C-alpha cells in the first residue's frame, strides 16, 4: 500500500487543493507555483505506472486510484481555468472542456459496467496521447499571461478534446460490442 508508485498516485490527489489555493491568491508568483505543481503532478502520472511495472509493485490500490487521481487533477484544473476571469479562455474553448469532462464520466461508468461482467478495458496508446495533450494544454493554460503558451494551450486543448472524443467513442463501442455479443448468445439459446 505504501509503495512509491501508490504514494505518487496519492500525491496527485493531495496537491489539488494546493493548486486551487495558489491560483486564487491572485499573485503571479503563486500562479507560477500552481502551474509547476500541476506539471509535477502530471509527471507523476507517467512515473507511478512506470515504476510500478519496473519494480513489480503493481497493486489493486494503484489500479483503483490512478484513473481517479488523473480525472480529479484534470477536472480540477479545467474548473480553475474556466472559473478564474483573468485567464480569459475563449468561450468556444468550453466545447473541448465539456467533451473532456463528459468522456471522463462516461469512461468511468463503462469501466465499472465492464468490470462487473469481467471484460477488461485496457488503456489504449491513443488514450495515453490524449492524457499527454490534456496535461500539456492545462499546464500552458495555467501559465497564461506569463508566456504566449496560454494561446498554444487552448489550441492543444482542442487537440485533446478531439482525442478525448475518439477514445471515448472507442470505449463506448467496446461496451456496445459486448452487449451485442451477450444479447446474441442469449437469443441463440
C-alpha atoms as a PDB file:
ATOM      1  CA  UNK A   1       0.000   0.000   0.000  1.00  0.00           C
ATOM      2  CA  UNK A   2       2.813   2.443   0.822  1.00  0.00           C
ATOM      3  CA  UNK A   3       4.847   1.700  -2.262  1.00  0.00           C
ATOM      4  CA  UNK A   4       6.413   4.602  -4.139  1.00  0.00           C
ATOM      5  CA  UNK A   5       4.038   4.235  -7.134  1.00  0.00           C
ATOM      6  CA  UNK A   6       0.999   4.396  -4.831  1.00  0.00           C
ATOM      7  CA  UNK A   7       2.420   7.391  -2.973  1.00  0.00           C
ATOM      8  CA  UNK A   8       2.993   9.183  -6.285  1.00  0.00           C
ATOM      9  CA  UNK A   9      -0.605   8.481  -7.273  1.00  0.00           C
ATOM     10  CA  UNK A  10      -1.879   9.760  -3.919  1.00  0.00           C
ATOM     11  CA  UNK A  11       0.270  12.887  -4.284  1.00  0.00           C
ATOM     12  CA  UNK A  12      -1.743  13.854  -7.380  1.00  0.00           C
ATOM     13  CA  UNK A  13      -4.890  13.922  -5.275  1.00  0.00           C
ATOM     14  CA  UNK A  14      -3.283  15.724  -2.352  1.00  0.00           C
ATOM     15  CA  UNK A  15      -1.921  18.621  -4.455  1.00  0.00           C
ATOM     16  CA  UNK A  16      -5.305  19.553  -5.925  1.00  0.00           C
ATOM     17  CA  UNK A  17      -6.350  21.850  -3.031  1.00  0.00           C
ATOM     18  CA  UNK A  18      -2.899  23.457  -3.047  1.00  0.00           C
ATOM     19  CA  UNK A  19      -3.199  24.216  -6.765  1.00  0.00           C
ATOM     20  CA  UNK A  20      -6.639  25.765  -6.198  1.00  0.00           C
ATOM     21  CA  UNK A  21      -5.365  27.966  -3.373  1.00  0.00           C
ATOM     22  CA  UNK A  22      -2.251  29.063  -5.245  1.00  0.00           C
ATOM     23  CA  UNK A  23      -4.231  30.098  -8.317  1.00  0.00           C
ATOM     24  CA  UNK A  24      -6.807  32.028  -6.314  1.00  0.00           C
ATOM     25  CA  UNK A  25      -4.297  34.068  -4.315  1.00  0.00           C
ATOM     26  CA  UNK A  26      -4.070  36.290  -7.441  1.00  0.00           C
ATOM     27  CA  UNK A  27      -0.336  36.624  -7.317  1.00  0.00           C
ATOM     28  CA  UNK A  28       1.901  35.954 -10.289  1.00  0.00           C
ATOM     29  CA  UNK A  29       4.375  34.053  -8.153  1.00  0.00           C
ATOM     30  CA  UNK A  30       1.688  31.762  -6.734  1.00  0.00           C
ATOM     31  CA  UNK A  31       0.202  31.220 -10.182  1.00  0.00           C
ATOM     32  CA  UNK A  32       3.598  30.009 -11.436  1.00  0.00           C
ATOM     33  CA  UNK A  33       3.932  27.757  -8.376  1.00  0.00           C
ATOM     34  CA  UNK A  34       0.469  26.328  -9.115  1.00  0.00           C
ATOM     35  CA  UNK A  35       1.494  25.591 -12.706  1.00  0.00           C
ATOM     36  CA  UNK A  36       4.750  23.990 -11.570  1.00  0.00           C
ATOM     37  CA  UNK A  37       2.853  21.878  -9.039  1.00  0.00           C
ATOM     38  CA  UNK A  38       0.380  20.823 -11.735  1.00  0.00           C
ATOM     39  CA  UNK A  39       3.263  19.910 -14.071  1.00  0.00           C
ATOM     40  CA  UNK A  40       4.934  17.886 -11.314  1.00  0.00           C
ATOM     41  CA  UNK A  41       1.643  16.115 -10.584  1.00  0.00           C
ATOM     42  CA  UNK A  42       1.232  15.402 -14.307  1.00  0.00           C
ATOM     43  CA  UNK A  43       4.688  13.845 -14.424  1.00  0.00           C
ATOM     44  CA  UNK A  44       3.760  11.539 -11.546  1.00  0.00           C
ATOM     45  CA  UNK A  45       1.012  10.160 -13.792  1.00  0.00           C
ATOM     46  CA  UNK A  46       3.716   8.713 -16.028  1.00  0.00           C
ATOM     47  CA  UNK A  47       6.110   7.799 -13.223  1.00  0.00           C
ATOM     48  CA  UNK A  48       3.730   5.871 -10.995  1.00  0.00           C
ATOM     49  CA  UNK A  49       2.814   3.345 -13.682  1.00  0.00           C
ATOM     50  CA  UNK A  50       6.371   3.096 -14.979  1.00  0.00           C
ATOM     51  CA  UNK A  51       7.804   2.492 -11.503  1.00  0.00           C
ATOM     52  CA  UNK A  52       5.057   0.024 -10.596  1.00  0.00           C
ATOM     53  CA  UNK A  53       5.869  -2.088 -13.657  1.00  0.00           C
ATOM     54  CA  UNK A  54       9.655  -1.769 -13.312  1.00  0.00           C
ATOM     55  CA  UNK A  55       9.647  -2.633  -9.605  1.00  0.00           C
ATOM     56  CA  UNK A  56       6.883  -5.218  -9.929  1.00  0.00           C
ATOM     57  CA  UNK A  57       4.821  -3.187  -7.447  1.00  0.00           C
ATOM     58  CA  UNK A  58       1.511  -3.104  -9.269  1.00  0.00           C
ATOM     59  CA  UNK A  59      -1.399  -3.222  -6.859  1.00  0.00           C
ATOM     60  CA  UNK A  60      -5.171  -3.169  -6.723  1.00  0.00           C
ATOM     61  CA  UNK A  61      -4.956   0.160  -4.885  1.00  0.00           C
ATOM     62  CA  UNK A  62      -2.839   1.627  -7.664  1.00  0.00           C
ATOM     63  CA  UNK A  63      -5.226   0.374 -10.360  1.00  0.00           C
ATOM     64  CA  UNK A  64      -8.113   1.891  -8.415  1.00  0.00           C
ATOM     65  CA  UNK A  65      -6.561   5.255  -7.563  1.00  0.00           C
ATOM     66  CA  UNK A  66      -4.613   6.024 -10.750  1.00  0.00           C
ATOM     67  CA  UNK A  67      -7.585   6.799 -13.026  1.00  0.00           C
ATOM     68  CA  UNK A  68      -9.356   8.600 -10.168  1.00  0.00           C
ATOM     69  CA  UNK A  69      -6.302  10.789  -9.498  1.00  0.00           C
ATOM     70  CA  UNK A  70      -5.977  11.585 -13.212  1.00  0.00           C
ATOM     71  CA  UNK A  71      -9.614  12.562 -13.570  1.00  0.00           C
ATOM     72  CA  UNK A  72      -9.626  14.663 -10.394  1.00  0.00           C
ATOM     73  CA  UNK A  73      -6.473  16.516 -11.423  1.00  0.00           C
ATOM     74  CA  UNK A  74      -7.697  17.254 -14.961  1.00  0.00           C
ATOM     75  CA  UNK A  75     -11.243  18.190 -13.907  1.00  0.00           C
ATOM     76  CA  UNK A  76      -9.948  20.460 -11.141  1.00  0.00           C
ATOM     77  CA  UNK A  77      -7.553  22.237 -13.489  1.00  0.00           C
ATOM     78  CA  UNK A  78     -10.336  22.735 -16.038  1.00  0.00           C
ATOM     79  CA  UNK A  79     -12.601  24.242 -13.385  1.00  0.00           C
ATOM     80  CA  UNK A  80      -9.834  26.544 -12.119  1.00  0.00           C
ATOM     81  CA  UNK A  81      -9.035  27.761 -15.614  1.00  0.00           C
ATOM     82  CA  UNK A  82     -12.663  28.389 -16.563  1.00  0.00           C
ATOM     83  CA  UNK A  83     -13.680  29.933 -13.240  1.00  0.00           C
ATOM     84  CA  UNK A  84     -10.901  32.487 -12.984  1.00  0.00           C
ATOM     85  CA  UNK A  85     -11.884  35.561 -15.021  1.00  0.00           C
ATOM     86  CA  UNK A  86      -8.349  36.820 -15.646  1.00  0.00           C
ATOM     87  CA  UNK A  87      -7.431  33.604 -17.514  1.00  0.00           C
ATOM     88  CA  UNK A  88      -9.757  34.720 -20.346  1.00  0.00           C
ATOM     89  CA  UNK A  89     -10.491  31.438 -22.079  1.00  0.00           C
ATOM     90  CA  UNK A  90     -12.351  31.772 -25.369  1.00  0.00           C
ATOM     91  CA  UNK A  91     -15.995  30.746 -24.959  1.00  0.00           C
ATOM     92  CA  UNK A  92     -15.540  28.392 -27.906  1.00  0.00           C
ATOM     93  CA  UNK A  93     -12.936  26.509 -25.862  1.00  0.00           C
ATOM     94  CA  UNK A  94     -15.681  25.441 -23.466  1.00  0.00           C
ATOM     95  CA  UNK A  95     -16.545  22.799 -26.085  1.00  0.00           C
ATOM     96  CA  UNK A  96     -13.439  20.628 -25.551  1.00  0.00           C
ATOM     97  CA  UNK A  97     -13.795  21.168 -21.798  1.00  0.00           C
ATOM     98  CA  UNK A  98     -17.319  19.714 -21.851  1.00  0.00           C
ATOM     99  CA  UNK A  99     -16.169  16.871 -24.124  1.00  0.00           C
ATOM    100  CA  UNK A 100     -13.304  16.055 -21.729  1.00  0.00           C
ATOM    101  CA  UNK A 101     -15.489  16.124 -18.619  1.00  0.00           C
ATOM    102  CA  UNK A 102     -18.290  14.080 -20.235  1.00  0.00           C
ATOM    103  CA  UNK A 103     -15.857  11.487 -21.592  1.00  0.00           C
ATOM    104  CA  UNK A 104     -14.247  11.018 -18.195  1.00  0.00           C
ATOM    105  CA  UNK A 105     -17.634  10.362 -16.609  1.00  0.00           C
ATOM    106  CA  UNK A 106     -18.656   8.077 -19.498  1.00  0.00           C
ATOM    107  CA  UNK A 107     -15.479   6.002 -19.348  1.00  0.00           C
ATOM    108  CA  UNK A 108     -15.697   5.686 -15.564  1.00  0.00           C
ATOM    109  CA  UNK A 109     -19.214   4.275 -15.905  1.00  0.00           C
ATOM    110  CA  UNK A 110     -18.222   1.972 -18.755  1.00  0.00           C
ATOM    111  CA  UNK A 111     -15.241   0.636 -16.808  1.00  0.00           C
ATOM    112  CA  UNK A 112     -17.447  -0.098 -13.825  1.00  0.00           C
ATOM    113  CA  UNK A 113     -20.010  -1.896 -16.023  1.00  0.00           C
ATOM    114  CA  UNK A 114     -17.385  -3.908 -17.911  1.00  0.00           C
ATOM    115  CA  UNK A 115     -15.564  -4.832 -14.701  1.00  0.00           C
ATOM    116  CA  UNK A 116     -18.813  -6.282 -13.315  1.00  0.00           C
ATOM    117  CA  UNK A 117     -19.083  -8.581 -16.342  1.00  0.00           C
ATOM    118  CA  UNK A 118     -15.342  -9.417 -16.323  1.00  0.00           C
ATOM    119  CA  UNK A 119     -14.481  -7.601 -19.539  1.00  0.00           C
ATOM    120  CA  UNK A 120     -11.162  -5.803 -19.466  1.00  0.00           C
ATOM    121  CA  UNK A 121     -10.838  -2.276 -20.768  1.00  0.00           C
ATOM    122  CA  UNK A 122      -7.119  -1.617 -21.077  1.00  0.00           C
ATOM    123  CA  UNK A 123      -5.807   1.881 -21.672  1.00  0.00           C
ATOM    124  CA  UNK A 124      -5.007   2.395 -25.347  1.00  0.00           C
ATOM    125  CA  UNK A 125      -1.988   4.156 -26.776  1.00  0.00           C
ATOM    126  CA  UNK A 126      -4.287   6.889 -28.104  1.00  0.00           C
ATOM    127  CA  UNK A 127      -5.714   7.386 -24.609  1.00  0.00           C
ATOM    128  CA  UNK A 128      -2.168   7.905 -23.327  1.00  0.00           C
ATOM    129  CA  UNK A 129      -1.614  10.535 -26.036  1.00  0.00           C
ATOM    130  CA  UNK A 130      -4.909  12.134 -25.023  1.00  0.00           C
ATOM    131  CA  UNK A 131      -3.716  12.416 -21.446  1.00  0.00           C
ATOM    132  CA  UNK A 132      -0.399  13.901 -22.569  1.00  0.00           C
ATOM    133  CA  UNK A 133      -2.168  16.564 -24.640  1.00  0.00           C
ATOM    134  CA  UNK A 134      -4.562  17.340 -21.780  1.00  0.00           C
ATOM    135  CA  UNK A 135      -1.785  17.748 -19.231  1.00  0.00           C
ATOM    136  CA  UNK A 136       0.370  19.839 -21.581  1.00  0.00           C
ATOM    137  CA  UNK A 137      -2.554  22.074 -22.591  1.00  0.00           C
ATOM    138  CA  UNK A 138      -3.614  22.653 -18.993  1.00  0.00           C
ATOM    139  CA  UNK A 139      -0.049  23.370 -17.877  1.00  0.00           C
ATOM    140  CA  UNK A 140       0.289  26.008 -20.576  1.00  0.00           C
ATOM    141  CA  UNK A 141      -3.110  27.493 -19.798  1.00  0.00           C
ATOM    142  CA  UNK A 142      -2.214  27.800 -16.110  1.00  0.00           C
ATOM    143  CA  UNK A 143       0.742  29.914 -17.238  1.00  0.00           C
ATOM    144  CA  UNK A 144      -1.429  32.143 -19.433  1.00  0.00           C
ATOM    145  CA  UNK A 145      -0.331  35.724 -19.046  1.00  0.00           C
ATOM    146  CA  UNK A 146       3.313  34.863 -18.488  1.00  0.00           C
ATOM    147  CA  UNK A 147       4.061  33.456 -21.873  1.00  0.00           C
ATOM    148  CA  UNK A 148       2.142  33.103 -25.087  1.00  0.00           C
ATOM    149  CA  UNK A 149       1.728  29.493 -24.020  1.00  0.00           C
ATOM    150  CA  UNK A 150      -1.839  30.168 -22.935  1.00  0.00           C
ATOM    151  CA  UNK A 151      -2.948  30.518 -26.561  1.00  0.00           C
ATOM    152  CA  UNK A 152      -0.989  27.438 -27.566  1.00  0.00           C
ATOM    153  CA  UNK A 153      -2.540  25.702 -24.557  1.00  0.00           C
ATOM    154  CA  UNK A 154      -6.027  26.429 -25.873  1.00  0.00           C
ATOM    155  CA  UNK A 155      -5.085  25.004 -29.260  1.00  0.00           C
ATOM    156  CA  UNK A 156      -3.715  21.872 -27.575  1.00  0.00           C
ATOM    157  CA  UNK A 157      -6.910  21.695 -25.520  1.00  0.00           C
ATOM    158  CA  UNK A 158      -8.815  21.337 -28.803  1.00  0.00           C
ATOM    159  CA  UNK A 159      -6.444  18.560 -29.900  1.00  0.00           C
ATOM    160  CA  UNK A 160      -7.011  16.901 -26.524  1.00  0.00           C
ATOM    161  CA  UNK A 161     -10.763  17.367 -26.969  1.00  0.00           C
ATOM    162  CA  UNK A 162     -10.726  15.584 -30.333  1.00  0.00           C
ATOM    163  CA  UNK A 163      -8.576  12.739 -28.966  1.00  0.00           C
ATOM    164  CA  UNK A 164     -10.831  12.573 -25.921  1.00  0.00           C
ATOM    165  CA  UNK A 165     -13.905  12.213 -28.119  1.00  0.00           C
ATOM    166  CA  UNK A 166     -12.270   9.488 -30.229  1.00  0.00           C
ATOM    167  CA  UNK A 167     -11.091   7.454 -27.238  1.00  0.00           C
ATOM    168  CA  UNK A 168     -14.459   7.870 -25.516  1.00  0.00           C
ATOM    169  CA  UNK A 169     -16.161   6.556 -28.636  1.00  0.00           C
ATOM    170  CA  UNK A 170     -13.738   3.598 -28.778  1.00  0.00           C
ATOM    171  CA  UNK A 171     -14.520   2.632 -25.193  1.00  0.00           C
ATOM    172  CA  UNK A 172     -18.252   3.084 -25.814  1.00  0.00           C
ATOM    173  CA  UNK A 173     -18.022   0.893 -28.929  1.00  0.00           C
ATOM    174  CA  UNK A 174     -16.265  -1.832 -26.934  1.00  0.00           C
ATOM    175  CA  UNK A 175     -19.160  -1.792 -24.465  1.00  0.00           C
ATOM    176  CA  UNK A 176     -21.715  -1.966 -27.270  1.00  0.00           C
ATOM    177  CA  UNK A 177     -19.844  -4.895 -28.831  1.00  0.00           C
ATOM    178  CA  UNK A 178     -20.018  -6.756 -25.522  1.00  0.00           C
ATOM    179  CA  UNK A 179     -23.750  -6.040 -25.191  1.00  0.00           C
ATOM    180  CA  UNK A 180     -24.434  -7.179 -28.769  1.00  0.00           C
ATOM    181  CA  UNK A 181     -22.453 -10.407 -28.255  1.00  0.00           C
ATOM    182  CA  UNK A 182     -24.203 -11.044 -24.957  1.00  0.00           C
ATOM    183  CA  UNK A 183     -27.654 -10.446 -26.449  1.00  0.00           C
ATOM    184  CA  UNK A 184     -26.822 -12.622 -29.487  1.00  0.00           C
ATOM    185  CA  UNK A 185     -25.724 -15.511 -27.264  1.00  0.00           C
ATOM    186  CA  UNK A 186     -28.916 -15.203 -25.202  1.00  0.00           C
ATOM    187  CA  UNK A 187     -31.022 -15.204 -28.376  1.00  0.00           C
ATOM    188  CA  UNK A 188     -29.196 -18.297 -29.667  1.00  0.00           C
ATOM    189  CA  UNK A 189     -30.046 -20.257 -26.523  1.00  0.00           C
END
